[in-house]
Protein backbone atom coordinates (compact mmCIF):
# COMPACT_ATOMS: atom_id res chain seq x y z
CA MET A 1 120.33 78.32 142.37
CA ALA A 2 121.95 80.10 139.46
CA GLY A 3 121.47 83.68 140.56
CA ARG A 4 118.92 85.03 142.98
CA PHE A 5 116.53 87.90 143.67
CA HIS A 6 117.93 91.11 145.12
CA TYR A 7 116.13 93.82 147.07
CA TYR A 8 117.80 96.47 144.88
CA GLU A 9 116.09 94.98 141.81
CA GLY A 10 112.75 96.04 143.24
CA TYR A 11 111.75 92.77 144.89
CA SER A 12 110.29 92.89 148.38
CA ALA A 13 112.17 91.24 151.25
CA GLU A 14 109.52 88.49 151.20
CA GLN A 15 110.15 87.84 147.50
CA VAL A 16 113.92 87.78 148.03
CA VAL A 17 113.60 84.94 150.56
CA PHE A 18 110.83 83.00 148.78
CA PRO A 19 113.29 80.61 147.05
CA ILE A 20 114.88 79.80 150.42
CA ARG A 21 111.49 78.85 151.81
CA VAL A 22 110.73 76.72 148.73
CA MET A 23 114.05 74.89 149.04
CA LYS A 24 113.34 74.20 152.74
CA PHE A 25 110.01 72.61 151.83
CA LEU A 26 111.74 70.61 149.08
CA GLY A 27 113.84 69.07 151.84
CA ILE A 28 117.17 70.90 152.11
CA ARG A 29 118.75 71.03 155.56
CA THR A 30 121.80 73.17 154.75
CA LEU A 31 122.06 76.41 152.78
CA LEU A 32 125.36 77.39 151.12
CA ILE A 33 125.56 80.98 149.88
CA SER A 34 128.19 82.94 148.02
CA ASN A 35 128.30 86.62 147.18
CA ALA A 36 130.45 89.41 145.81
CA ALA A 37 131.49 91.91 148.46
CA GLY A 38 133.51 95.05 148.93
CA GLY A 39 136.44 94.62 151.27
CA MET A 40 136.71 96.97 154.24
CA ASN A 41 139.33 95.06 156.20
CA PRO A 42 142.77 96.46 155.31
CA ALA A 43 144.19 92.92 155.18
CA PHE A 44 141.92 92.00 152.26
CA ARG A 45 142.89 92.06 148.58
CA VAL A 46 140.72 91.79 145.47
CA GLY A 47 140.06 88.11 144.76
CA ASP A 48 140.31 86.98 148.40
CA LEU A 49 137.67 84.70 149.92
CA MET A 50 136.06 85.51 153.27
CA ILE A 51 134.03 83.11 155.38
CA ILE A 52 131.12 85.03 156.86
CA ARG A 53 131.11 84.30 160.60
CA ASP A 54 128.45 86.92 161.41
CA HIS A 55 126.58 89.77 159.77
CA ILE A 56 125.17 93.22 160.39
CA SER A 57 121.67 93.61 158.96
CA PHE A 58 120.39 96.92 160.30
CA PHE A 59 120.66 98.46 156.82
CA THR A 60 118.26 96.09 155.01
CA PRO A 61 114.56 95.36 155.68
CA ASN A 62 114.08 92.26 157.79
CA PRO A 63 112.09 89.63 155.82
CA LEU A 64 110.29 88.50 158.99
CA VAL A 65 108.48 91.80 159.56
CA GLY A 66 104.72 91.27 159.53
CA ARG A 67 102.59 88.33 160.53
CA ASN A 68 104.57 85.28 161.64
CA PHE A 69 103.61 81.84 160.39
CA GLU A 70 104.51 79.27 163.05
CA ALA A 71 104.83 76.60 160.35
CA LEU A 72 107.88 78.50 159.08
CA GLY A 73 109.48 79.29 162.42
CA PRO A 74 109.18 81.16 165.73
CA ARG A 75 108.13 84.80 166.05
CA PHE A 76 111.53 85.80 167.49
CA PRO A 77 114.21 83.50 166.07
CA ASP A 78 117.61 83.39 167.76
CA MET A 79 120.42 84.81 165.62
CA SER A 80 123.38 84.16 167.95
CA GLU A 81 124.81 81.68 165.42
CA PRO A 82 123.50 82.65 161.97
CA TYR A 83 126.42 80.85 160.31
CA SER A 84 127.13 77.29 161.44
CA HIS A 85 130.33 77.00 163.48
CA GLU A 86 130.55 73.36 162.43
CA LEU A 87 130.40 74.22 158.72
CA ILE A 88 132.92 77.03 159.18
CA GLY A 89 135.30 74.54 160.81
CA LYS A 90 134.85 72.08 157.93
CA ALA A 91 135.48 74.82 155.36
CA LYS A 92 138.67 75.90 157.09
CA ASN A 93 139.98 72.32 157.07
CA ILE A 94 139.09 71.92 153.39
CA ALA A 95 140.76 75.22 152.50
CA LYS A 96 143.92 74.15 154.29
CA ARG A 97 143.90 70.82 152.42
CA LEU A 98 143.33 72.57 149.06
CA GLU A 99 145.84 75.32 149.89
CA ILE A 100 143.22 78.04 149.51
CA THR A 101 143.72 81.15 151.63
CA LEU A 102 140.58 82.10 153.54
CA HIS A 103 139.77 85.12 155.65
CA GLU A 104 136.97 85.18 158.19
CA GLY A 105 134.88 88.20 159.04
CA VAL A 106 131.64 90.11 159.45
CA TYR A 107 129.47 90.91 156.42
CA ALA A 108 127.48 94.16 156.41
CA GLY A 109 124.35 93.92 154.29
CA VAL A 110 123.10 97.05 152.52
CA THR A 111 120.31 97.67 150.03
CA GLY A 112 122.30 98.96 147.04
CA PRO A 113 122.20 99.41 144.11
CA THR A 114 124.80 102.15 144.56
CA PHE A 115 128.26 101.26 145.73
CA GLU A 116 128.98 102.85 149.09
CA THR A 117 130.41 106.31 149.57
CA ARG A 118 133.81 106.59 151.24
CA ALA A 119 132.11 107.78 154.43
CA GLU A 120 129.70 104.82 154.36
CA TYR A 121 132.58 102.35 153.97
CA LYS A 122 134.29 103.94 156.98
CA LEU A 123 131.09 103.84 159.06
CA LEU A 124 130.41 100.19 158.23
CA HIS A 125 133.99 99.27 159.06
CA LEU A 126 133.82 101.15 162.38
CA ALA A 127 130.57 99.28 163.12
CA GLY A 128 132.48 95.99 162.83
CA GLY A 129 132.12 95.07 159.16
CA ASP A 130 134.95 93.44 157.23
CA ALA A 131 133.05 93.25 153.93
CA VAL A 132 129.89 94.82 152.54
CA GLY A 133 127.37 93.64 149.97
CA MET A 134 123.83 93.87 148.64
CA SER A 135 122.56 90.34 149.32
CA THR A 136 122.71 87.37 151.70
CA VAL A 137 121.48 88.72 155.06
CA GLN A 138 117.77 88.53 154.24
CA GLU A 139 118.17 84.98 152.93
CA VAL A 140 120.17 83.94 155.98
CA ILE A 141 117.56 85.38 158.34
CA ALA A 142 114.82 83.40 156.58
CA ALA A 143 116.94 80.25 156.54
CA ARG A 144 117.69 80.44 160.25
CA HIS A 145 114.02 81.23 160.96
CA MET A 146 113.24 77.84 159.41
CA GLY A 147 116.04 75.98 161.17
CA LEU A 148 118.43 75.58 158.23
CA ASN A 149 122.17 75.41 158.81
CA VAL A 150 123.97 78.12 156.84
CA PHE A 151 127.46 78.58 155.43
CA ALA A 152 128.34 81.70 153.45
CA LEU A 153 131.42 82.87 151.61
CA SER A 154 132.21 86.29 150.13
CA VAL A 155 134.46 86.92 147.17
CA ILE A 156 136.20 90.24 147.77
CA THR A 157 135.64 91.89 144.41
CA ASP A 158 136.66 95.44 145.25
CA LEU A 159 138.24 97.40 148.07
CA GLY A 160 136.04 100.07 149.61
CA ILE A 161 138.59 101.54 151.98
CA ARG A 162 141.59 102.55 149.93
CA GLU A 163 143.78 105.57 149.55
CA GLU A 164 143.69 105.95 145.78
CA ASP A 165 141.14 108.30 144.29
CA ASN A 166 139.65 105.74 141.92
CA VAL A 167 136.09 104.55 141.42
CA ILE A 168 134.52 101.09 141.67
CA THR A 169 132.84 99.77 138.54
CA HIS A 170 130.48 96.84 138.03
CA GLU A 171 132.90 95.48 135.41
CA GLU A 172 135.70 95.42 138.02
CA VAL A 173 133.46 93.46 140.37
CA LEU A 174 132.48 90.91 137.70
CA GLU A 175 136.09 90.35 136.63
CA ALA A 176 137.25 89.74 140.21
CA ALA A 177 134.38 87.30 140.77
CA ARG A 178 135.29 85.37 137.59
CA GLU A 179 138.90 85.06 138.67
CA ALA A 180 137.99 83.79 142.15
CA GLU A 181 135.36 81.32 140.91
CA PRO A 182 137.63 78.23 140.60
CA LYS A 183 138.73 78.52 144.25
CA LEU A 184 135.17 79.08 145.45
CA THR A 185 133.84 76.16 143.38
CA SER A 186 136.52 73.77 144.65
CA LEU A 187 135.79 74.69 148.24
CA PHE A 188 132.02 74.38 147.89
CA LYS A 189 132.23 71.01 146.08
CA ALA A 190 134.45 69.61 148.82
CA LEU A 191 132.18 71.00 151.54
CA ILE A 192 129.09 69.47 149.90
CA SER A 193 130.83 66.09 149.78
CA GLU A 194 131.26 66.26 153.57
CA LEU A 195 127.62 67.09 154.39
């Protein structure tokens, strides 16, 4: 997909995940997702790539709330491995071959559309988050509900935990994403070729 629906745009959680369900019924078996995220891990720099190994989704509405349709998946889907360990391993090998530096961490999903306050960044980091963003977790929940394998990668487009007294702008985020795009594209193309 070129772009997607976001909860902060006013779409319901069910609308956000509708394209994932459509793609499943069109026959996909693996979902690859990328996003822009704010870095909370002090080792991260703007432009870095982070493999999402797990996520925290308490801050966004779960798309499975309401009546469950068994044709889509079980009432209580297991989320012990939301991101495929096998795909993560493949991506790491590809990155090494392509000489792309990759981090690995936990993604905290929030609703947006505001960037987080300094206190919120600190809370999310204390809760175990390495990066934070306004997408992905609802789509991953729906994908796993339907039995899809998932791989996700964050582009660190800004640093939420920093000492300077500066602000984060949408333009800063877009510029960092543009600069990281060639690395992300190379990695995804190579990963697709190995599926």
